[in-house]
N, C-alpha and C. Protein backbone atom coordinates (compact mmCIF):
# COMPACT_ATOMS: atom_id res chain seq x y z
N ARG A 1 63.93 -95.91 -60.06
CA ARG A 1 63.01 -96.92 -60.58
C ARG A 1 62.14 -96.32 -61.68
N ARG A 2 61.78 -97.10 -62.67
CA ARG A 2 60.95 -96.62 -63.78
C ARG A 2 59.48 -96.52 -63.38
N ASP A 3 58.85 -95.52 -63.94
CA ASP A 3 57.41 -95.34 -63.72
C ASP A 3 56.67 -96.28 -64.68
N PRO A 4 55.95 -97.28 -64.17
CA PRO A 4 55.27 -98.25 -65.04
C PRO A 4 54.25 -97.60 -65.98
N ALA A 5 53.59 -96.55 -65.53
CA ALA A 5 52.62 -95.87 -66.40
C ALA A 5 53.30 -95.19 -67.57
N LEU A 6 54.45 -94.59 -67.30
CA LEU A 6 55.21 -93.93 -68.37
C LEU A 6 55.74 -94.96 -69.36
N VAL A 7 56.26 -96.05 -68.87
CA VAL A 7 56.75 -97.13 -69.74
C VAL A 7 55.62 -97.66 -70.61
N ALA A 8 54.47 -97.88 -70.02
CA ALA A 8 53.31 -98.38 -70.77
C ALA A 8 52.89 -97.37 -71.84
N ALA A 9 52.91 -96.09 -71.50
CA ALA A 9 52.53 -95.06 -72.47
C ALA A 9 53.51 -95.00 -73.64
N VAL A 10 54.80 -95.11 -73.35
CA VAL A 10 55.81 -95.09 -74.41
C VAL A 10 55.65 -96.31 -75.31
N ARG A 11 55.44 -97.47 -74.71
CA ARG A 11 55.25 -98.69 -75.50
C ARG A 11 54.01 -98.60 -76.37
N SER A 12 52.95 -98.06 -75.80
CA SER A 12 51.71 -97.90 -76.57
C SER A 12 51.90 -96.92 -77.74
N ALA A 13 52.57 -95.82 -77.47
CA ALA A 13 52.83 -94.83 -78.54
C ALA A 13 53.71 -95.42 -79.62
N ALA A 14 54.72 -96.18 -79.24
CA ALA A 14 55.60 -96.81 -80.23
C ALA A 14 54.82 -97.79 -81.10
N GLY A 15 53.93 -98.55 -80.47
CA GLY A 15 53.10 -99.48 -81.24
C GLY A 15 52.17 -98.77 -82.20
N ALA A 16 51.56 -97.68 -81.74
CA ALA A 16 50.65 -96.90 -82.61
C ALA A 16 51.41 -96.27 -83.77
N ALA A 17 52.60 -95.73 -83.49
CA ALA A 17 53.41 -95.14 -84.55
C ALA A 17 53.85 -96.21 -85.54
N ALA A 18 54.23 -97.38 -85.05
CA ALA A 18 54.62 -98.48 -85.94
C ALA A 18 53.47 -98.88 -86.85
N ASP A 19 52.26 -98.95 -86.29
CA ASP A 19 51.09 -99.31 -87.10
C ASP A 19 50.82 -98.27 -88.18
N ALA A 20 50.93 -96.99 -87.82
CA ALA A 20 50.69 -95.91 -88.79
C ALA A 20 51.74 -95.94 -89.91
N ILE A 21 53.00 -96.11 -89.54
CA ILE A 21 54.06 -96.13 -90.55
C ILE A 21 53.94 -97.37 -91.42
N ALA A 22 53.53 -98.49 -90.83
CA ALA A 22 53.32 -99.71 -91.61
C ALA A 22 52.23 -99.48 -92.66
N GLY A 23 51.23 -98.68 -92.33
CA GLY A 23 50.20 -98.34 -93.31
C GLY A 23 50.75 -97.52 -94.47
N VAL A 24 51.65 -96.60 -94.18
CA VAL A 24 52.28 -95.80 -95.22
C VAL A 24 53.16 -96.69 -96.11
N VAL A 25 53.90 -97.60 -95.48
CA VAL A 25 54.74 -98.54 -96.24
C VAL A 25 53.87 -99.38 -97.16
N ASP A 26 52.76 -99.87 -96.64
CA ASP A 26 51.85 -100.69 -97.44
C ASP A 26 51.31 -99.90 -98.63
N ALA A 27 50.96 -98.65 -98.40
CA ALA A 27 50.46 -97.80 -99.50
C ALA A 27 51.54 -97.58 -100.56
N ALA A 28 52.78 -97.39 -100.14
CA ALA A 28 53.88 -97.19 -101.09
C ALA A 28 54.09 -98.45 -101.92
N VAL A 29 54.03 -99.60 -101.27
CA VAL A 29 54.20 -100.87 -102.00
C VAL A 29 53.08 -101.06 -103.01
N HIS A 30 51.85 -100.80 -102.59
CA HIS A 30 50.71 -100.96 -103.50
C HIS A 30 50.73 -99.94 -104.64
N ALA A 31 51.24 -98.75 -104.38
CA ALA A 31 51.32 -97.74 -105.44
C ALA A 31 52.26 -98.20 -106.55
N CYS A 32 53.35 -98.84 -106.17
CA CYS A 32 54.29 -99.35 -107.18
C CYS A 32 53.75 -100.59 -107.87
N ALA A 33 53.13 -101.47 -107.09
CA ALA A 33 52.65 -102.74 -107.65
C ALA A 33 51.37 -102.55 -108.46
N GLY A 34 50.64 -101.48 -108.19
CA GLY A 34 49.34 -101.29 -108.82
C GLY A 34 49.37 -100.84 -110.26
N SER A 35 50.52 -100.46 -110.75
CA SER A 35 50.60 -100.01 -112.14
C SER A 35 52.01 -100.26 -112.66
N SER A 36 52.11 -100.27 -113.97
CA SER A 36 53.43 -100.51 -114.56
C SER A 36 54.13 -99.17 -114.78
N GLU A 37 55.44 -99.22 -114.74
CA GLU A 37 56.23 -98.01 -114.97
C GLU A 37 55.98 -97.44 -116.36
N VAL A 38 55.81 -98.33 -117.33
CA VAL A 38 55.56 -97.89 -118.71
C VAL A 38 54.21 -97.18 -118.80
N ASP A 39 53.18 -97.77 -118.19
CA ASP A 39 51.85 -97.13 -118.23
C ASP A 39 51.87 -95.79 -117.52
N ASP A 40 52.56 -95.73 -116.36
CA ASP A 40 52.66 -94.47 -115.64
C ASP A 40 53.36 -93.41 -116.50
N ALA A 41 54.44 -93.80 -117.16
CA ALA A 41 55.18 -92.86 -118.01
C ALA A 41 54.31 -92.38 -119.16
N ARG A 42 53.51 -93.27 -119.72
CA ARG A 42 52.61 -92.87 -120.82
C ARG A 42 51.58 -91.84 -120.34
N ARG A 43 51.05 -92.08 -119.13
CA ARG A 43 50.06 -91.12 -118.59
C ARG A 43 50.69 -89.76 -118.35
N VAL A 44 51.88 -89.76 -117.75
CA VAL A 44 52.57 -88.49 -117.51
C VAL A 44 52.90 -87.82 -118.83
N PHE A 45 53.39 -88.60 -119.80
CA PHE A 45 53.71 -88.04 -121.12
C PHE A 45 52.45 -87.43 -121.76
N GLY A 46 51.34 -88.15 -121.67
CA GLY A 46 50.09 -87.63 -122.26
C GLY A 46 49.70 -86.29 -121.67
N ALA A 47 49.81 -86.17 -120.35
CA ALA A 47 49.48 -84.91 -119.69
C ALA A 47 50.47 -83.82 -120.10
N MET A 48 51.77 -84.16 -120.12
CA MET A 48 52.78 -83.17 -120.50
C MET A 48 52.63 -82.77 -121.96
N ASP A 49 52.34 -83.76 -122.82
CA ASP A 49 52.21 -83.47 -124.24
C ASP A 49 51.02 -82.56 -124.50
N GLU A 50 49.93 -82.80 -123.76
CA GLU A 50 48.76 -81.94 -123.90
C GLU A 50 49.07 -80.53 -123.39
N TRP A 51 49.71 -80.47 -122.24
CA TRP A 51 50.03 -79.18 -121.64
C TRP A 51 51.04 -78.41 -122.48
N CYS A 52 52.00 -79.11 -123.07
CA CYS A 52 53.06 -78.46 -123.84
C CYS A 52 52.80 -78.52 -125.34
N GLY A 53 51.57 -78.73 -125.70
CA GLY A 53 51.20 -78.84 -127.11
C GLY A 53 51.39 -77.53 -127.84
N PRO A 54 50.73 -77.41 -128.96
CA PRO A 54 50.91 -76.20 -129.77
C PRO A 54 50.62 -74.92 -128.99
N ALA A 55 51.50 -73.96 -129.16
CA ALA A 55 51.31 -72.67 -128.52
C ALA A 55 50.30 -71.87 -129.31
N SER A 56 49.62 -70.96 -128.65
CA SER A 56 48.70 -70.09 -129.37
C SER A 56 49.50 -69.15 -130.25
N SER A 57 48.87 -68.66 -131.28
CA SER A 57 49.59 -67.77 -132.20
C SER A 57 49.96 -66.45 -131.55
N SER A 58 49.36 -66.15 -130.39
CA SER A 58 49.69 -64.90 -129.71
C SER A 58 50.92 -65.04 -128.83
N SER A 59 51.43 -66.28 -128.67
CA SER A 59 52.63 -66.46 -127.85
C SER A 59 53.82 -65.85 -128.55
N SER A 60 54.74 -65.36 -127.77
CA SER A 60 55.95 -64.80 -128.37
C SER A 60 57.16 -65.49 -127.80
N SER A 61 58.23 -65.49 -128.54
CA SER A 61 59.45 -66.14 -128.08
C SER A 61 60.03 -65.42 -126.87
N SER A 62 59.73 -64.15 -126.70
CA SER A 62 60.26 -63.44 -125.53
C SER A 62 59.61 -63.89 -124.25
N SER A 63 58.39 -64.46 -124.33
CA SER A 63 57.72 -64.94 -123.12
C SER A 63 57.96 -66.42 -122.91
N GLY A 64 58.82 -67.02 -123.72
CA GLY A 64 59.15 -68.42 -123.54
C GLY A 64 58.32 -69.35 -124.39
N GLY A 65 57.30 -68.87 -125.05
CA GLY A 65 56.45 -69.72 -125.87
C GLY A 65 56.97 -69.82 -127.28
N ALA A 66 56.36 -70.71 -128.03
CA ALA A 66 56.74 -70.86 -129.43
C ALA A 66 55.95 -69.87 -130.26
N VAL A 67 56.44 -69.56 -131.44
CA VAL A 67 55.79 -68.60 -132.32
C VAL A 67 55.07 -69.34 -133.41
N GLY A 68 53.87 -68.86 -133.76
CA GLY A 68 53.17 -69.39 -134.93
C GLY A 68 52.68 -70.81 -134.79
N GLY A 69 52.21 -71.21 -133.63
CA GLY A 69 51.62 -72.53 -133.47
C GLY A 69 52.64 -73.64 -133.25
N GLY A 70 53.89 -73.30 -133.02
CA GLY A 70 54.89 -74.33 -132.74
C GLY A 70 54.65 -74.95 -131.37
N ARG A 71 55.45 -75.94 -131.05
CA ARG A 71 55.30 -76.62 -129.76
C ARG A 71 56.11 -75.92 -128.69
N LEU A 72 55.56 -75.88 -127.48
CA LEU A 72 56.29 -75.32 -126.34
C LEU A 72 57.40 -76.27 -125.90
N LEU A 73 57.17 -77.58 -126.08
CA LEU A 73 58.15 -78.59 -125.69
C LEU A 73 58.09 -79.73 -126.69
N ASP A 74 59.22 -80.08 -127.24
CA ASP A 74 59.31 -81.17 -128.21
C ASP A 74 58.81 -82.46 -127.56
N SER A 75 58.07 -83.28 -128.31
CA SER A 75 57.52 -84.53 -127.78
C SER A 75 58.60 -85.47 -127.27
N GLY A 76 59.75 -85.48 -127.93
CA GLY A 76 60.85 -86.33 -127.48
C GLY A 76 61.33 -85.93 -126.09
N TYR A 77 61.44 -84.63 -125.87
CA TYR A 77 61.83 -84.15 -124.55
C TYR A 77 60.76 -84.46 -123.51
N ALA A 78 59.51 -84.32 -123.91
CA ALA A 78 58.40 -84.62 -122.99
C ALA A 78 58.42 -86.09 -122.61
N ALA A 79 58.69 -86.97 -123.56
CA ALA A 79 58.73 -88.41 -123.28
C ALA A 79 59.87 -88.73 -122.31
N GLU A 80 61.03 -88.14 -122.53
CA GLU A 80 62.17 -88.37 -121.62
C GLU A 80 61.88 -87.81 -120.23
N ALA A 81 61.28 -86.65 -120.19
CA ALA A 81 60.94 -86.05 -118.90
C ALA A 81 59.93 -86.93 -118.16
N ALA A 82 58.95 -87.48 -118.88
CA ALA A 82 57.95 -88.35 -118.27
C ALA A 82 58.62 -89.58 -117.66
N LYS A 83 59.55 -90.17 -118.39
CA LYS A 83 60.27 -91.35 -117.86
C LYS A 83 61.02 -90.99 -116.58
N LYS A 84 61.66 -89.83 -116.58
CA LYS A 84 62.43 -89.42 -115.40
C LYS A 84 61.52 -89.13 -114.21
N VAL A 85 60.38 -88.50 -114.46
CA VAL A 85 59.43 -88.22 -113.39
C VAL A 85 58.95 -89.51 -112.75
N VAL A 86 58.57 -90.48 -113.59
CA VAL A 86 58.06 -91.75 -113.08
C VAL A 86 59.16 -92.52 -112.35
N ALA A 87 60.37 -92.55 -112.91
CA ALA A 87 61.48 -93.25 -112.25
C ALA A 87 61.79 -92.62 -110.89
N SER A 88 61.77 -91.30 -110.84
CA SER A 88 62.03 -90.60 -109.59
C SER A 88 60.93 -90.90 -108.56
N HIS A 89 59.69 -90.89 -109.01
CA HIS A 89 58.55 -91.17 -108.13
C HIS A 89 58.67 -92.58 -107.56
N ARG A 90 58.97 -93.54 -108.42
CA ARG A 90 59.11 -94.93 -107.96
C ARG A 90 60.30 -95.09 -107.02
N SER A 91 61.37 -94.38 -107.30
CA SER A 91 62.53 -94.43 -106.42
C SER A 91 62.18 -93.87 -105.04
N THR A 92 61.42 -92.79 -105.03
CA THR A 92 60.98 -92.19 -103.76
C THR A 92 60.09 -93.16 -103.00
N LEU A 93 59.17 -93.81 -103.70
CA LEU A 93 58.30 -94.79 -103.03
C LEU A 93 59.12 -95.95 -102.48
N GLY A 94 60.16 -96.36 -103.21
CA GLY A 94 61.04 -97.41 -102.72
C GLY A 94 61.77 -96.99 -101.45
N ALA A 95 62.22 -95.74 -101.42
CA ALA A 95 62.90 -95.23 -100.22
C ALA A 95 61.93 -95.15 -99.05
N VAL A 96 60.70 -94.73 -99.30
CA VAL A 96 59.68 -94.70 -98.24
C VAL A 96 59.49 -96.10 -97.68
N ARG A 97 59.39 -97.08 -98.58
CA ARG A 97 59.23 -98.47 -98.15
C ARG A 97 60.42 -98.93 -97.29
N ASP A 98 61.62 -98.73 -97.81
CA ASP A 98 62.82 -99.21 -97.11
C ASP A 98 62.99 -98.55 -95.74
N HIS A 99 62.91 -97.23 -95.71
CA HIS A 99 63.09 -96.52 -94.44
C HIS A 99 61.94 -96.81 -93.48
N GLY A 100 60.74 -96.89 -94.03
CA GLY A 100 59.58 -97.19 -93.21
C GLY A 100 59.66 -98.56 -92.57
N GLU A 101 60.10 -99.55 -93.34
CA GLU A 101 60.23 -100.90 -92.79
C GLU A 101 61.24 -100.94 -91.64
N ARG A 102 62.35 -100.23 -91.81
CA ARG A 102 63.36 -100.19 -90.74
C ARG A 102 62.80 -99.50 -89.49
N LEU A 103 62.10 -98.39 -89.70
CA LEU A 103 61.54 -97.66 -88.57
C LEU A 103 60.46 -98.48 -87.86
N VAL A 104 59.63 -99.17 -88.62
CA VAL A 104 58.61 -100.03 -88.01
C VAL A 104 59.26 -101.10 -87.15
N ALA A 105 60.32 -101.72 -87.68
CA ALA A 105 61.01 -102.76 -86.90
C ALA A 105 61.57 -102.20 -85.59
N GLN A 106 62.16 -101.02 -85.65
CA GLN A 106 62.71 -100.40 -84.44
C GLN A 106 61.61 -100.05 -83.44
N LEU A 107 60.51 -99.52 -83.94
CA LEU A 107 59.40 -99.16 -83.06
C LEU A 107 58.76 -100.40 -82.44
N ARG A 108 58.69 -101.49 -83.19
CA ARG A 108 58.12 -102.73 -82.64
C ARG A 108 59.00 -103.25 -81.49
N VAL A 109 60.31 -103.10 -81.62
CA VAL A 109 61.21 -103.51 -80.52
C VAL A 109 60.89 -102.70 -79.26
N VAL A 110 60.70 -101.39 -79.43
CA VAL A 110 60.35 -100.54 -78.27
C VAL A 110 58.98 -100.94 -77.72
N ALA A 111 58.02 -101.15 -78.61
CA ALA A 111 56.66 -101.47 -78.17
C ALA A 111 56.61 -102.82 -77.44
N ASN A 112 57.47 -103.74 -77.83
CA ASN A 112 57.43 -105.09 -77.25
C ASN A 112 58.46 -105.29 -76.14
N ARG A 113 59.28 -104.28 -75.88
CA ARG A 113 60.31 -104.41 -74.84
C ARG A 113 59.64 -104.67 -73.49
N GLY A 114 60.16 -105.61 -72.78
CA GLY A 114 59.62 -105.90 -71.46
C GLY A 114 58.56 -106.97 -71.47
N GLU A 115 58.03 -107.32 -72.65
CA GLU A 115 57.06 -108.42 -72.71
C GLU A 115 57.83 -109.73 -72.76
N ARG A 116 57.74 -110.48 -71.74
CA ARG A 116 58.46 -111.77 -71.69
C ARG A 116 57.57 -112.83 -71.10
């Protein structure tokens, strides 16, 4: 025979876990909806462009930097990299949403099992 206290504890834990994961799913959805992909890419590009801007004149090509005030990373490459970073980030948030929603549904079944 099943221990009613143990069953109640498992159901309670499943409900609490479902609530917590639902919060993560909600945050992922709002992160994607809260800004546009284009604006996000522009912000990432701006940061990358600033970081990869002109090298100091003391940089040498042997250390990976540009010589004589050149750029460490071409702006075109930085723009493409920014697009890829943002697309990857949004894809990851989409996966968090999808997997989280499935897990929440499964946990809700466990939490509600036996309630009739």
